[in-house]
Amino acid sequence: MMMWWHWLSVIGSLAVTGPIGLAIVAWLLAGKSWRLTVIWLALFGAGMALVVATKMAFVGWGIGIASVEFAGISGHAMRAAAVFPVAGYLAMRSSALWLRQLGIALGVVLAVLIAISRVYVHAHSSSESISGCLLGLAVAAAFIWYASTEHHWALSRVLVALCLPIFLLAPRVEPIPAEAWITKAALYLSGREQPYTRAMWHAPRPQMR
């Protein structure tokens, strides 16, 4: 069972969701959907910026919520919830309404499972995974709403062909050290030598005399 959660966690990694996000950009550009390309980049970029900002705030300055073990939005959960529903929608863009809805629903289910997996592999607390999933779903919902107002673009299911190699190669790709980059940046900006960690919430407080 643990291998199942680990595999789901890998699917949400930057090595998988990053290239799928770029595949969405390539798909939109191929369809000459310039406005939607800008909207996707803006929405996804804003989501990523919020993830990085909350993580840096904790690592560099200890800003978090101890009562719910919140030390930063889960990037895995955010990216998965942003890219998979959008990929499902775009892959079925030329199909019947129920197939488009099915594509979105499958993407949402996969994203939720990935968010849960981050808790099971002890990478994030529930609050971090839930906030990441909700943020990503907001990104996806906003993009799909904008895309539904465009009526003059359509492509075949090339997006599926672009994404399949990513799923096949991802387990063999070295993890991208995004967390290490965030930590270095936070320490540089805060001037600290050591990052804040969750352990500080559980450390005994000094007794008042």
Protein backbone atom coordinates (compact mmCIF):
# COMPACT_ATOMS: atom_id res chain seq x y z
CA MET A 1 0.00 0.00 0.00
CA MET A 2 2.86 2.38 0.82
CA MET A 3 4.32 1.87 -2.67
CA TRP A 4 1.00 3.02 -4.13
CA TRP A 5 1.15 6.28 -2.16
CA HIS A 6 4.79 6.74 -3.07
CA TRP A 7 4.00 6.29 -6.77
CA LEU A 8 1.21 8.86 -6.53
CA SER A 9 3.59 11.24 -4.79
CA VAL A 10 6.07 10.86 -7.66
CA ILE A 11 3.31 11.69 -10.16
CA GLY A 12 2.86 15.01 -8.38
CA SER A 13 6.56 15.88 -8.44
CA LEU A 14 7.96 18.81 -10.37
CA ALA A 15 9.64 16.35 -12.76
CA VAL A 16 6.15 15.26 -13.90
CA THR A 17 3.81 18.21 -13.38
CA GLY A 18 6.34 20.76 -14.64
CA PRO A 19 6.68 19.17 -18.11
CA ILE A 20 2.90 18.61 -18.28
CA GLY A 21 2.41 22.29 -17.53
CA LEU A 22 4.80 23.08 -20.39
CA ALA A 23 2.99 20.57 -22.63
CA ILE A 24 -0.20 22.53 -22.00
CA VAL A 25 1.62 25.69 -23.10
CA ALA A 26 2.87 23.94 -26.26
CA TRP A 27 -0.63 22.62 -26.99
CA LEU A 28 -2.16 26.09 -26.64
CA LEU A 29 0.53 27.69 -28.78
CA ALA A 30 0.04 25.04 -31.46
CA GLY A 31 -3.63 26.01 -31.56
CA LYS A 32 -2.66 29.71 -31.77
CA SER A 33 -4.52 30.36 -28.53
CA TRP A 34 -2.36 33.29 -27.50
CA ARG A 35 -4.77 34.69 -24.91
CA LEU A 36 -5.27 31.34 -23.21
CA THR A 37 -1.52 30.74 -23.18
CA VAL A 38 -0.98 33.99 -21.28
CA ILE A 39 -3.85 33.21 -18.91
CA TRP A 40 -2.50 29.72 -18.18
CA LEU A 41 1.03 31.01 -17.54
CA ALA A 42 -0.31 33.78 -15.29
CA LEU A 43 -2.58 31.51 -13.25
CA PHE A 44 -0.09 28.67 -12.89
CA GLY A 45 2.73 31.11 -12.18
CA ALA A 46 0.67 32.83 -9.48
CA GLY A 47 -0.06 29.48 -7.84
CA MET A 48 3.61 28.53 -7.87
CA ALA A 49 4.56 31.94 -6.48
CA LEU A 50 2.21 31.46 -3.51
CA VAL A 51 3.71 28.03 -2.81
CA VAL A 52 7.26 29.38 -2.87
CA ALA A 53 6.35 32.45 -0.80
CA THR A 54 4.76 30.43 2.01
CA LYS A 55 7.65 27.96 2.12
CA MET A 56 10.26 30.71 2.16
CA ALA A 57 8.33 32.56 4.88
CA PHE A 58 8.59 29.52 7.14
CA VAL A 59 12.14 28.41 6.30
CA GLY A 60 13.61 31.89 6.60
CA TRP A 61 11.43 33.58 9.22
CA GLY A 62 9.50 30.80 10.94
CA ILE A 63 6.13 32.11 9.75
CA GLY A 64 3.62 29.28 9.95
CA ILE A 65 0.63 28.00 11.92
CA ALA A 66 1.76 25.59 14.61
CA SER A 67 -1.77 24.56 15.67
CA VAL A 68 -2.41 22.91 12.28
CA GLU A 69 1.22 22.07 11.42
CA PHE A 70 1.23 24.50 8.48
CA ALA A 71 4.74 25.32 7.23
CA GLY A 72 3.95 26.11 3.60
CA ILE A 73 1.56 25.15 0.81
CA SER A 74 2.28 21.74 -0.75
CA GLY A 75 3.77 22.25 -4.20
CA HIS A 76 2.99 18.67 -5.24
CA ALA A 77 -0.68 19.10 -4.37
CA MET A 78 -0.95 22.55 -5.98
CA ARG A 79 0.70 21.56 -9.26
CA ALA A 80 -1.23 18.30 -9.55
CA ALA A 81 -4.58 20.00 -8.92
CA ALA A 82 -3.73 22.70 -11.46
CA VAL A 83 -2.39 20.62 -14.35
CA PHE A 84 -4.35 17.35 -14.33
CA PRO A 85 -7.90 18.75 -14.54
CA VAL A 86 -6.74 21.21 -17.23
CA ALA A 87 -4.98 18.44 -19.17
CA GLY A 88 -8.12 16.30 -18.94
CA TYR A 89 -10.27 19.16 -20.18
CA LEU A 90 -7.98 20.08 -23.08
CA ALA A 91 -7.52 16.46 -24.15
CA MET A 92 -11.31 16.19 -24.51
CA ARG A 93 -11.84 19.72 -25.83
CA SER A 94 -13.20 18.50 -29.17
CA SER A 95 -15.44 15.84 -27.61
CA ALA A 96 -18.95 15.86 -26.22
CA LEU A 97 -19.68 17.82 -23.05
CA TRP A 98 -19.89 14.71 -20.88
CA LEU A 99 -16.42 13.60 -22.04
CA ARG A 100 -14.96 17.01 -21.21
CA GLN A 101 -16.55 16.78 -17.78
CA LEU A 102 -15.19 13.26 -17.37
CA GLY A 103 -11.69 14.44 -18.28
CA ILE A 104 -11.90 17.18 -15.66
CA ALA A 105 -13.32 14.81 -13.03
CA LEU A 106 -10.55 12.23 -13.57
CA GLY A 107 -7.97 15.00 -13.24
CA VAL A 108 -9.54 16.18 -9.99
CA VAL A 109 -9.63 12.65 -8.55
CA LEU A 110 -5.97 12.09 -9.43
CA ALA A 111 -5.03 15.45 -7.89
CA VAL A 112 -6.89 14.67 -4.65
CA LEU A 113 -5.19 11.27 -4.40
CA ILE A 114 -1.80 12.92 -4.90
CA ALA A 115 -2.58 15.43 -2.16
CA ILE A 116 -3.52 12.56 0.18
CA SER A 117 -0.32 10.71 -0.75
CA ARG A 118 1.80 13.64 0.49
CA VAL A 119 0.35 13.08 3.96
CA TYR A 120 0.83 9.31 3.82
CA VAL A 121 4.51 9.59 2.83
CA HIS A 122 4.98 12.10 5.69
CA ALA A 123 6.05 14.91 3.35
CA HIS A 124 3.29 17.31 4.39
CA SER A 125 0.66 17.83 7.03
CA SER A 126 -3.03 17.66 6.16
CA SER A 127 -3.33 21.46 6.22
CA GLU A 128 -0.46 21.86 3.75
CA SER A 129 -1.84 19.25 1.34
CA ILE A 130 -5.41 20.54 1.53
CA SER A 131 -4.37 24.16 0.96
CA GLY A 132 -2.21 23.09 -2.00
CA CYS A 133 -5.01 21.06 -3.53
CA LEU A 134 -7.56 23.86 -3.13
CA LEU A 135 -5.17 26.43 -4.61
CA GLY A 136 -4.45 24.21 -7.60
CA LEU A 137 -8.13 23.48 -8.18
CA ALA A 138 -8.81 27.23 -8.12
CA VAL A 139 -6.15 27.70 -10.80
CA ALA A 140 -7.65 24.91 -12.91
CA ALA A 141 -11.22 26.14 -12.47
CA ALA A 142 -10.29 29.69 -13.47
CA PHE A 143 -8.45 28.51 -16.59
CA ILE A 144 -11.22 26.12 -17.65
CA TRP A 145 -13.78 28.90 -17.23
CA TYR A 146 -11.74 31.21 -19.46
CA ALA A 147 -11.17 28.41 -21.98
CA SER A 148 -14.89 27.66 -22.15
CA THR A 149 -15.50 31.20 -23.42
CA GLU A 150 -13.19 30.62 -26.40
CA HIS A 151 -15.05 29.08 -29.33
CA HIS A 152 -12.58 29.35 -32.19
CA TRP A 153 -9.87 26.91 -31.25
CA ALA A 154 -9.61 23.15 -31.32
CA LEU A 155 -6.90 20.54 -31.61
CA SER A 156 -6.75 16.78 -31.67
CA ARG A 157 -5.69 14.88 -28.58
CA VAL A 158 -2.04 15.72 -29.17
CA LEU A 159 -1.80 16.68 -25.50
CA VAL A 160 -2.22 13.03 -24.53
CA ALA A 161 0.70 12.07 -26.77
CA LEU A 162 2.80 14.83 -25.22
CA CYS A 163 2.03 13.71 -21.67
CA LEU A 164 2.42 9.94 -21.99
CA PRO A 165 6.24 9.96 -22.27
CA ILE A 166 6.38 12.11 -19.14
CA PHE A 167 4.50 9.47 -17.12
CA LEU A 168 6.75 6.69 -18.49
CA LEU A 169 10.05 8.48 -17.87
CA ALA A 170 9.24 10.25 -14.60
CA PRO A 171 10.05 7.35 -12.22
CA ARG A 172 13.55 7.17 -13.75
CA VAL A 173 14.29 10.90 -13.59
CA GLU A 174 16.36 12.36 -10.79
CA PRO A 175 14.19 14.49 -8.46
CA ILE A 176 14.48 18.22 -9.06
CA PRO A 177 15.96 19.80 -5.87
CA ALA A 178 13.33 22.54 -5.70
CA GLU A 179 13.12 22.40 -1.89
CA ALA A 180 16.88 22.90 -1.61
CA TRP A 181 16.69 25.93 -3.91
CA ILE A 182 13.88 27.44 -1.84
CA THR A 183 15.81 26.85 1.37
CA LYS A 184 18.96 28.49 0.02
CA ALA A 185 17.01 31.51 -1.21
CA ALA A 186 15.15 31.88 2.10
CA LEU A 187 18.34 31.67 4.15
CA TYR A 188 20.06 34.20 1.90
CA LEU A 189 17.21 36.71 2.18
CA SER A 190 16.66 36.22 5.92
CA GLY A 191 20.35 36.18 6.80
CA ARG A 192 19.98 33.01 8.86
CA GLU A 193 22.49 30.18 8.85
CA GLN A 194 20.00 27.42 9.64
CA PRO A 195 16.41 27.04 8.41
CA TYR A 196 13.41 26.97 10.68
CA THR A 197 11.92 23.47 10.96
CA ARG A 198 8.77 21.91 12.36
CA ALA A 199 10.85 20.66 15.29
CA MET A 200 10.73 24.15 16.79
CA TRP A 201 6.99 23.67 17.40
CA HIS A 202 7.66 20.60 19.51
CA ALA A 203 10.73 21.84 21.37
CA PRO A 204 10.12 22.33 25.11
CA ARG A 205 9.73 25.95 26.10
CA PRO A 206 12.09 27.35 28.72
CA GLN A 207 10.60 27.53 32.20
CA MET A 208 9.81 31.01 33.52
CA ARG A 209 11.38 31.79 36.87
